[in-house]
């Protein structure tokens, strides 16, 4: 038993359907843009001037701070918190350490300590630990790590120079 499929005539070619599909997408895009322009002209956001300032000066912290204040006054606390995080990222206060930086530094410290415990003869791990300790302000620990690196490689001029530097700071 043989199946016979009915003959389907093509009134429109595939090229016509492709052209119509593209036309529909362009019409939809034009409609969305028109709707956004219409809404922007009839009902502007209370903070649209702040957004324009951010678009013109994206790396200037006070513009983000102004937007955060406006958003907080409008009741959008999550958006305001996001803008304040951008402000903290753009203008770090000297001596202040953000939580993300502290967590990243602690993770790096744990990573290098694990490397030292698995490979105690790896000089560069001690240098990394010394750098991280120095960043945290722990000079005695940094000096101890550099001393260990110097024991492993006593002829390295960089390690010798860093060890001398930390010993001067400790005096």
N, C-alpha and C. Protein backbone atom coordinates (compact mmCIF):
# COMPACT_ATOMS: atom_id res chain seq x y z
N UNK A 1 0.84 -1.17 0.00
CA UNK A 1 0.00 0.00 0.00
C UNK A 1 0.89 1.24 0.00
N UNK A 2 0.71 2.04 -0.93
CA UNK A 2 1.54 3.20 -1.11
C UNK A 2 0.77 4.45 -0.70
N UNK A 3 1.45 5.33 0.10
CA UNK A 3 0.81 6.56 0.54
C UNK A 3 0.95 7.64 -0.52
N UNK A 4 -0.10 8.33 -0.76
CA UNK A 4 -0.06 9.46 -1.68
C UNK A 4 -0.33 10.72 -0.90
N UNK A 5 0.63 11.62 -1.01
CA UNK A 5 0.46 12.92 -0.35
C UNK A 5 -0.21 13.87 -1.31
N UNK A 6 -1.09 14.68 -0.78
CA UNK A 6 -1.76 15.62 -1.68
C UNK A 6 -0.78 16.68 -2.18
N UNK A 7 -1.01 17.14 -3.33
CA UNK A 7 -0.16 18.16 -3.90
C UNK A 7 -0.51 19.50 -3.27
N UNK A 8 0.51 20.15 -2.69
CA UNK A 8 0.32 21.47 -2.08
C UNK A 8 0.96 22.48 -3.00
N UNK A 9 0.13 23.35 -3.49
CA UNK A 9 0.66 24.35 -4.42
C UNK A 9 1.30 25.50 -3.62
N UNK A 10 2.27 26.10 -4.21
CA UNK A 10 2.95 27.23 -3.57
C UNK A 10 2.47 28.51 -4.23
N UNK A 11 1.73 29.23 -3.47
CA UNK A 11 1.30 30.53 -3.98
C UNK A 11 2.40 31.54 -3.70
N UNK A 12 2.99 31.41 -2.50
CA UNK A 12 4.07 32.31 -2.10
C UNK A 12 5.36 31.50 -2.01
N UNK A 13 6.43 32.05 -2.48
CA UNK A 13 7.71 31.34 -2.43
C UNK A 13 8.36 31.56 -1.05
N UNK A 14 9.42 30.80 -0.78
CA UNK A 14 10.13 30.93 0.49
C UNK A 14 10.75 32.31 0.62
N UNK A 15 11.18 32.87 -0.49
CA UNK A 15 11.77 34.21 -0.46
C UNK A 15 10.73 35.24 -0.03
N UNK A 16 9.50 35.05 -0.44
CA UNK A 16 8.43 35.98 -0.05
C UNK A 16 8.19 35.89 1.45
N UNK A 17 8.16 34.65 1.98
CA UNK A 17 7.95 34.50 3.42
C UNK A 17 9.12 35.10 4.21
N UNK A 18 10.32 34.96 3.71
CA UNK A 18 11.48 35.53 4.37
C UNK A 18 11.39 37.05 4.38
N UNK A 19 11.01 37.62 3.26
CA UNK A 19 10.87 39.06 3.16
C UNK A 19 9.77 39.58 4.09
N UNK A 20 8.65 38.85 4.15
CA UNK A 20 7.55 39.25 5.04
C UNK A 20 7.97 39.12 6.51
N UNK A 21 8.73 38.09 6.83
CA UNK A 21 9.21 37.94 8.21
C UNK A 21 10.13 39.08 8.61
N UNK A 22 11.04 39.46 7.73
CA UNK A 22 11.92 40.59 8.01
C UNK A 22 11.13 41.89 8.15
N UNK A 23 10.16 42.06 7.29
CA UNK A 23 9.32 43.26 7.34
C UNK A 23 8.58 43.33 8.68
N UNK A 24 8.05 42.20 9.13
CA UNK A 24 7.34 42.17 10.41
C UNK A 24 8.28 42.50 11.57
N UNK A 25 9.48 41.99 11.54
CA UNK A 25 10.44 42.30 12.61
C UNK A 25 10.79 43.78 12.64
N UNK A 26 10.99 44.38 11.45
CA UNK A 26 11.30 45.81 11.42
C UNK A 26 10.12 46.65 11.89
N UNK A 27 8.92 46.25 11.53
CA UNK A 27 7.72 46.97 11.98
C UNK A 27 7.59 46.87 13.49
N UNK A 28 7.85 45.69 14.06
CA UNK A 28 7.79 45.50 15.50
C UNK A 28 8.85 46.35 16.21
N UNK A 29 10.06 46.38 15.67
CA UNK A 29 11.12 47.20 16.25
C UNK A 29 10.75 48.68 16.21
N UNK A 30 10.24 49.12 15.09
CA UNK A 30 9.82 50.52 14.96
C UNK A 30 8.69 50.85 15.94
N UNK A 31 7.76 49.93 16.12
CA UNK A 31 6.66 50.15 17.07
C UNK A 31 7.19 50.25 18.49
N UNK A 32 8.15 49.39 18.88
CA UNK A 32 8.70 49.46 20.23
C UNK A 32 9.47 50.75 20.48
N UNK A 33 10.26 51.17 19.50
CA UNK A 33 10.99 52.43 19.63
C UNK A 33 10.01 53.59 19.72
N UNK A 34 9.00 53.59 18.90
CA UNK A 34 7.99 54.66 18.93
C UNK A 34 7.27 54.70 20.27
N UNK A 35 6.93 53.54 20.79
CA UNK A 35 6.26 53.48 22.09
C UNK A 35 7.16 54.04 23.19
N UNK A 36 8.45 53.69 23.16
CA UNK A 36 9.37 54.21 24.17
C UNK A 36 9.53 55.73 24.06
N UNK A 37 9.63 56.24 22.84
CA UNK A 37 9.75 57.69 22.66
C UNK A 37 8.48 58.38 23.13
N UNK A 38 7.34 57.82 22.78
CA UNK A 38 6.06 58.41 23.20
C UNK A 38 5.95 58.44 24.73
N UNK A 39 6.29 57.33 25.37
CA UNK A 39 6.22 57.30 26.84
C UNK A 39 7.22 58.23 27.48
N UNK A 40 8.41 58.35 26.88
CA UNK A 40 9.42 59.24 27.43
C UNK A 40 8.98 60.69 27.32
N UNK A 41 8.27 61.04 26.22
CA UNK A 41 7.81 62.42 26.05
C UNK A 41 6.60 62.74 26.92
N UNK A 42 5.71 61.76 27.09
CA UNK A 42 4.50 62.04 27.84
C UNK A 42 4.66 61.82 29.34
N UNK A 43 5.42 60.80 29.74
CA UNK A 43 5.62 60.49 31.17
C UNK A 43 7.10 60.30 31.45
N UNK A 44 7.88 61.38 31.53
CA UNK A 44 9.31 61.21 31.79
C UNK A 44 9.53 60.69 33.21
N UNK A 45 10.60 59.92 33.38
CA UNK A 45 10.95 59.42 34.71
C UNK A 45 11.37 60.58 35.59
N UNK A 46 11.15 60.42 36.87
CA UNK A 46 11.54 61.47 37.81
C UNK A 46 13.04 61.64 37.85
N UNK A 47 13.76 60.62 37.46
CA UNK A 47 15.22 60.67 37.54
C UNK A 47 15.87 60.55 36.17
N UNK A 48 15.14 60.94 35.11
CA UNK A 48 15.70 60.82 33.77
C UNK A 48 16.89 61.74 33.56
N UNK A 49 16.88 62.92 34.19
CA UNK A 49 18.03 63.82 34.07
C UNK A 49 19.27 63.21 34.72
N UNK A 50 19.07 62.46 35.81
CA UNK A 50 20.20 61.79 36.47
C UNK A 50 20.75 60.67 35.58
N UNK A 51 19.86 59.96 34.88
CA UNK A 51 20.32 58.91 33.97
C UNK A 51 21.12 59.49 32.81
N UNK A 52 20.68 60.63 32.30
CA UNK A 52 21.42 61.28 31.22
C UNK A 52 22.80 61.69 31.71
N UNK A 53 22.87 62.20 32.96
CA UNK A 53 24.18 62.54 33.54
C UNK A 53 25.09 61.32 33.62
N UNK A 54 24.53 60.17 34.00
CA UNK A 54 25.33 58.96 34.09
C UNK A 54 25.78 58.50 32.72
N UNK A 55 24.93 58.63 31.72
CA UNK A 55 25.34 58.24 30.37
C UNK A 55 26.45 59.14 29.84
N UNK A 56 26.44 60.42 30.23
CA UNK A 56 27.49 61.32 29.76
C UNK A 56 28.76 61.20 30.58
N UNK A 57 28.66 60.86 31.88
CA UNK A 57 29.83 60.72 32.76
C UNK A 57 29.73 59.40 33.52
N UNK A 58 29.99 58.26 32.88
CA UNK A 58 29.76 56.97 33.55
C UNK A 58 30.75 56.66 34.67
N UNK A 59 31.94 57.27 34.68
CA UNK A 59 32.94 56.94 35.69
C UNK A 59 33.09 58.04 36.73
N UNK A 60 32.11 58.91 36.86
CA UNK A 60 32.14 59.99 37.83
C UNK A 60 31.22 59.61 38.98
N UNK A 61 31.81 59.35 40.14
CA UNK A 61 31.07 58.80 41.28
C UNK A 61 29.91 59.68 41.76
N UNK A 62 30.06 61.02 41.83
CA UNK A 62 28.92 61.83 42.31
C UNK A 62 27.65 61.70 41.49
N UNK A 63 27.75 61.43 40.18
CA UNK A 63 26.52 61.25 39.40
C UNK A 63 25.80 59.98 39.83
N UNK A 64 26.55 58.92 40.12
CA UNK A 64 25.92 57.69 40.60
C UNK A 64 25.34 57.91 42.00
N UNK A 65 26.01 58.70 42.80
CA UNK A 65 25.51 58.98 44.15
C UNK A 65 24.21 59.77 44.10
N UNK A 66 24.13 60.75 43.20
CA UNK A 66 22.89 61.52 43.03
C UNK A 66 21.74 60.62 42.59
N UNK A 67 22.03 59.71 41.65
CA UNK A 67 20.98 58.79 41.19
C UNK A 67 20.56 57.87 42.33
N UNK A 68 21.50 57.40 43.12
CA UNK A 68 21.16 56.52 44.24
C UNK A 68 20.26 57.25 45.24
N UNK A 69 20.57 58.51 45.52
CA UNK A 69 19.73 59.28 46.45
C UNK A 69 18.32 59.46 45.89
N UNK A 70 18.22 59.77 44.61
CA UNK A 70 16.91 59.93 43.97
C UNK A 70 16.14 58.62 43.97
N UNK A 71 16.81 57.52 43.68
CA UNK A 71 16.15 56.22 43.69
C UNK A 71 15.68 55.84 45.08
N UNK A 72 16.49 56.14 46.08
CA UNK A 72 16.10 55.84 47.46
C UNK A 72 14.87 56.65 47.86
N UNK A 73 14.83 57.92 47.43
CA UNK A 73 13.67 58.76 47.72
C UNK A 73 12.42 58.26 46.99
N UNK A 74 12.62 57.65 45.81
CA UNK A 74 11.49 57.12 45.05
C UNK A 74 11.05 55.75 45.56
N UNK A 75 11.82 55.14 46.47
CA UNK A 75 11.44 53.87 47.05
C UNK A 75 12.07 52.66 46.39
N UNK A 76 12.95 52.88 45.45
CA UNK A 76 13.62 51.76 44.77
C UNK A 76 14.94 51.47 45.48
N UNK A 77 14.84 50.77 46.60
CA UNK A 77 16.03 50.55 47.44
C UNK A 77 17.05 49.63 46.80
N UNK A 78 16.61 48.60 46.09
CA UNK A 78 17.58 47.68 45.48
C UNK A 78 18.38 48.37 44.38
N UNK A 79 17.71 49.19 43.58
CA UNK A 79 18.43 49.94 42.55
C UNK A 79 19.37 50.96 43.17
N UNK A 80 18.93 51.58 44.26
CA UNK A 80 19.78 52.55 44.96
C UNK A 80 21.01 51.86 45.55
N UNK A 81 20.82 50.68 46.12
CA UNK A 81 21.96 49.94 46.66
C UNK A 81 22.94 49.55 45.56
N UNK A 82 22.42 49.21 44.40
CA UNK A 82 23.28 48.87 43.27
C UNK A 82 24.12 50.08 42.84
N UNK A 83 23.49 51.24 42.81
CA UNK A 83 24.22 52.46 42.44
C UNK A 83 25.26 52.81 43.51
N UNK A 84 24.93 52.59 44.78
CA UNK A 84 25.90 52.87 45.83
C UNK A 84 27.08 51.91 45.77
N UNK A 85 26.84 50.69 45.33
CA UNK A 85 27.95 49.75 45.13
C UNK A 85 28.87 50.25 44.01
N UNK A 86 28.28 50.83 42.98
CA UNK A 86 29.09 51.40 41.90
C UNK A 86 29.89 52.58 42.42
N UNK A 87 29.28 53.40 43.29
CA UNK A 87 29.99 54.53 43.88
C UNK A 87 31.18 54.05 44.69
N UNK A 88 30.97 53.00 45.48
CA UNK A 88 32.07 52.46 46.30
C UNK A 88 33.18 51.90 45.42
N UNK A 89 32.81 51.34 44.30
CA UNK A 89 33.80 50.79 43.38
C UNK A 89 34.57 51.90 42.67
N UNK A 90 33.89 53.00 42.35
CA UNK A 90 34.54 54.09 41.62
C UNK A 90 35.41 54.97 42.51
N UNK A 91 35.03 55.13 43.74
CA UNK A 91 35.79 56.03 44.61
C UNK A 91 36.07 55.37 45.95
N UNK A 92 37.06 54.49 46.00
CA UNK A 92 37.36 53.86 47.29
C UNK A 92 38.00 54.86 48.25
N UNK A 93 37.60 54.79 49.48
CA UNK A 93 38.14 55.65 50.52
C UNK A 93 39.47 55.06 50.95
N UNK A 94 40.48 55.92 51.12
CA UNK A 94 41.77 55.41 51.54
C UNK A 94 41.66 54.74 52.89
N UNK A 95 42.21 53.55 53.00
CA UNK A 95 42.18 52.82 54.26
C UNK A 95 40.95 51.95 54.42
N UNK A 96 39.91 52.21 53.64
CA UNK A 96 38.70 51.40 53.74
C UNK A 96 38.86 50.15 52.90
N UNK A 97 38.32 49.07 53.38
CA UNK A 97 38.43 47.80 52.66
C UNK A 97 37.02 47.25 52.47
N UNK A 98 36.62 47.09 51.23
CA UNK A 98 35.29 46.57 50.99
C UNK A 98 35.23 45.10 51.33
N UNK A 99 34.04 44.64 51.55
CA UNK A 99 33.85 43.24 51.93
C UNK A 99 34.30 42.30 50.82
N UNK A 100 34.01 42.65 49.59
CA UNK A 100 34.40 41.79 48.48
C UNK A 100 35.91 41.67 48.37
N UNK A 101 36.61 42.78 48.54
CA UNK A 101 38.07 42.73 48.48
C UNK A 101 38.62 41.90 49.62
N UNK A 102 38.07 42.06 50.81
CA UNK A 102 38.56 41.30 51.96
C UNK A 102 38.32 39.80 51.75
N UNK A 103 37.16 39.45 51.21
CA UNK A 103 36.87 38.04 50.96
C UNK A 103 37.79 37.46 49.89
N UNK A 104 38.05 38.25 48.85
CA UNK A 104 38.94 37.79 47.79
C UNK A 104 40.37 37.62 48.32
N UNK A 105 40.82 38.56 49.14
CA UNK A 105 42.16 38.47 49.70
C UNK A 105 42.28 37.27 50.64
N UNK A 106 41.23 37.02 51.41
CA UNK A 106 41.24 35.86 52.31
C UNK A 106 41.26 34.56 51.52
N UNK A 107 40.51 34.51 50.42
CA UNK A 107 40.52 33.31 49.58
C UNK A 107 41.89 33.09 48.94
N UNK A 108 42.54 34.19 48.52
CA UNK A 108 43.88 34.06 47.97
C UNK A 108 44.86 33.57 49.03
N UNK A 109 44.71 34.08 50.24
CA UNK A 109 45.60 33.68 51.34
C UNK A 109 45.45 32.17 51.61
N UNK A 110 44.22 31.70 51.65
CA UNK A 110 43.97 30.27 51.90
C UNK A 110 44.54 29.44 50.75
N UNK A 111 44.36 29.92 49.52
CA UNK A 111 44.88 29.20 48.36
C UNK A 111 46.39 29.04 48.45
N UNK A 112 47.11 30.14 48.72
CA UNK A 112 48.57 30.06 48.77
C UNK A 112 49.05 29.29 49.99
N UNK A 113 48.31 29.33 51.08
CA UNK A 113 48.68 28.52 52.24
C UNK A 113 48.54 27.03 51.92
N UNK A 114 47.52 26.68 51.17
CA UNK A 114 47.36 25.29 50.74
C UNK A 114 48.50 24.87 49.81
N UNK A 115 48.93 25.77 48.95
CA UNK A 115 50.05 25.48 48.07
C UNK A 115 51.32 25.25 48.90
N UNK A 116 51.55 26.09 49.90
CA UNK A 116 52.74 25.96 50.75
C UNK A 116 52.69 24.66 51.53
N UNK A 117 51.51 24.27 52.01
CA UNK A 117 51.43 23.02 52.77
C UNK A 117 51.65 21.80 51.87
N UNK A 118 51.23 21.89 50.60
CA UNK A 118 51.44 20.75 49.71
C UNK A 118 52.84 20.76 49.09
N UNK A 119 53.40 21.93 48.87
CA UNK A 119 54.74 22.05 48.28
C UNK A 119 55.56 23.06 49.08
N UNK A 120 56.16 22.66 50.18
CA UNK A 120 56.88 23.60 51.04
C UNK A 120 58.16 24.16 50.41
N UNK A 121 58.60 23.62 49.28
CA UNK A 121 59.80 24.13 48.64
C UNK A 121 59.48 25.11 47.49
N UNK A 122 58.25 25.55 47.39
CA UNK A 122 57.84 26.46 46.33
C UNK A 122 58.02 27.90 46.79
N UNK A 123 59.09 28.53 46.34
CA UNK A 123 59.47 29.87 46.78
C UNK A 123 58.43 30.92 46.44
N UNK A 124 57.85 30.85 45.25
CA UNK A 124 56.90 31.88 44.81
C UNK A 124 55.64 31.91 45.66
N UNK A 125 55.27 30.78 46.23
CA UNK A 125 54.09 30.78 47.11
C UNK A 125 54.37 31.61 48.36
N UNK A 126 55.58 31.52 48.88
CA UNK A 126 55.94 32.33 50.05
C UNK A 126 55.97 33.81 49.69
N UNK A 127 56.41 34.12 48.49
CA UNK A 127 56.42 35.52 48.06
C UNK A 127 55.00 36.05 47.94
N UNK A 128 54.10 35.24 47.38
CA UNK A 128 52.69 35.65 47.28
C UNK A 128 52.07 35.86 48.66
N UNK A 129 52.36 34.95 49.58
CA UNK A 129 51.85 35.10 50.94
C UNK A 129 52.41 36.34 51.60
N UNK A 130 53.67 36.64 51.34
CA UNK A 130 54.27 37.86 51.89
C UNK A 130 53.58 39.10 51.34
N UNK A 131 53.29 39.10 50.04
CA UNK A 131 52.61 40.25 49.42
C UNK A 131 51.22 40.43 50.01
N UNK A 132 50.49 39.34 50.17
CA UNK A 132 49.14 39.43 50.73
C UNK A 132 49.19 39.89 52.19
N UNK A 133 50.14 39.41 52.94
CA UNK A 133 50.28 39.84 54.34
C UNK A 133 50.65 41.31 54.41
N UNK A 134 51.50 41.75 53.52
CA UNK A 134 51.88 43.16 53.48
C UNK A 134 50.68 44.04 53.14
N UNK A 135 49.84 43.60 52.20
CA UNK A 135 48.63 44.35 51.85
C UNK A 135 47.70 44.47 53.04
N UNK A 136 47.65 43.44 53.87
CA UNK A 136 46.78 43.46 55.04
C UNK A 136 47.40 44.23 56.19
N UNK A 137 48.66 44.64 56.05
CA UNK A 137 49.32 45.41 57.09
C UNK A 137 50.03 44.55 58.13
N UNK A 138 50.15 43.27 57.89
CA UNK A 138 50.80 42.36 58.83
C UNK A 138 52.26 42.22 58.40
N UNK A 139 53.11 43.15 58.86
CA UNK A 139 54.51 43.18 58.42
C UNK A 139 55.32 42.01 58.98
N UNK A 140 55.03 41.60 60.22
CA UNK A 140 55.82 40.51 60.80
C UNK A 140 55.59 39.21 60.04
N UNK A 141 54.35 38.96 59.69
CA UNK A 141 54.05 37.75 58.92
C UNK A 141 54.65 37.83 57.51
N UNK A 142 54.60 39.03 56.90
CA UNK A 142 55.19 39.21 55.58
C UNK A 142 56.70 38.97 55.64
N UNK A 143 57.33 39.49 56.69
CA UNK A 143 58.77 39.29 56.83
C UNK A 143 59.10 37.80 57.05
N UNK A 144 58.25 37.11 57.81
CA UNK A 144 58.48 35.68 58.05
C UNK A 144 58.38 34.89 56.75
N UNK A 145 57.39 35.22 55.92
CA UNK A 145 57.25 34.53 54.64
C UNK A 145 58.45 34.83 53.72
N UNK A 146 58.90 36.08 53.72
CA UNK A 146 60.05 36.43 52.89
C UNK A 146 61.32 35.76 53.39
N UNK A 147 61.44 35.62 54.69
CA UNK A 147 62.60 34.92 55.24
C UNK A 147 62.60 33.46 54.80
N UNK A 148 61.44 32.84 54.80
CA UNK A 148 61.33 31.45 54.33
C UNK A 148 61.69 31.36 52.84
N UNK A 149 61.25 32.33 52.05
CA UNK A 149 61.59 32.35 50.62
C UNK A 149 63.09 32.55 50.44
N UNK A 150 63.69 33.36 51.31
CA UNK A 150 65.13 33.59 51.23
C UNK A 150 65.92 32.33 51.60
N UNK A 151 65.40 31.55 52.53
CA UNK A 151 66.05 30.29 52.89
C UNK A 151 66.01 29.34 51.69
N UNK A 152 64.89 29.34 50.97
CA UNK A 152 64.76 28.45 49.80
C UNK A 152 65.62 28.91 48.63
N UNK A 153 65.76 30.22 48.46
CA UNK A 153 66.55 30.75 47.34
C UNK A 153 67.37 31.94 47.83
N UNK A 154 68.53 31.68 48.46
CA UNK A 154 69.31 32.76 49.06
C UNK A 154 69.98 33.68 48.05
N UNK A 155 70.09 33.32 46.79
CA UNK A 155 70.77 34.13 45.79
C UNK A 155 69.82 34.98 44.95
N UNK A 156 68.53 34.96 45.26
CA UNK A 156 67.56 35.73 44.49
C UNK A 156 67.61 37.19 44.94
N UNK A 157 67.96 38.11 44.03
CA UNK A 157 68.09 39.52 44.45
C UNK A 157 66.76 40.16 44.84
N UNK A 158 65.68 39.75 44.20
CA UNK A 158 64.37 40.33 44.53
C UNK A 158 63.96 39.94 45.94
N UNK A 159 64.11 38.68 46.28
CA UNK A 159 63.76 38.22 47.63
C UNK A 159 64.65 38.90 48.66
N UNK A 160 65.94 39.03 48.38
CA UNK A 160 66.85 39.68 49.31
C UNK A 160 66.47 41.14 49.51
N UNK A 161 66.12 41.82 48.43
CA UNK A 161 65.72 43.23 48.52
C UNK A 161 64.42 43.38 49.31
N UNK A 162 63.44 42.52 49.06
CA UNK A 162 62.17 42.59 49.80
C UNK A 162 62.36 42.25 51.28
N UNK A 163 63.20 41.29 51.58
CA UNK A 163 63.46 40.94 52.97
C UNK A 163 64.12 42.11 53.70
N UNK A 164 65.09 42.76 53.04
CA UNK A 164 65.74 43.92 53.64
C UNK A 164 64.73 45.06 53.85
N UNK A 165 63.83 45.24 52.89
CA UNK A 165 62.82 46.29 53.00
C UNK A 165 61.90 46.05 54.18
N UNK A 166 61.42 44.82 54.34
CA UNK A 166 60.50 44.54 55.46
C UNK A 166 61.23 44.59 56.80
N UNK A 167 62.50 44.20 56.82
CA UNK A 167 63.23 44.28 58.09
C UNK A 167 63.45 45.73 58.49
N UNK A 168 63.63 46.64 57.51
CA UNK A 168 63.74 48.08 57.82
C UNK A 168 62.44 48.62 58.36
N UNK A 169 61.33 48.17 57.78
CA UNK A 169 60.03 48.63 58.26
C UNK A 169 59.72 48.15 59.66
N UNK A 170 60.23 46.98 60.01
CA UNK A 170 59.97 46.42 61.34
C UNK A 170 60.81 47.10 62.43
N UNK A 171 61.90 47.75 62.05
CA UNK A 171 62.76 48.40 63.05
C UNK A 171 62.15 49.63 63.61
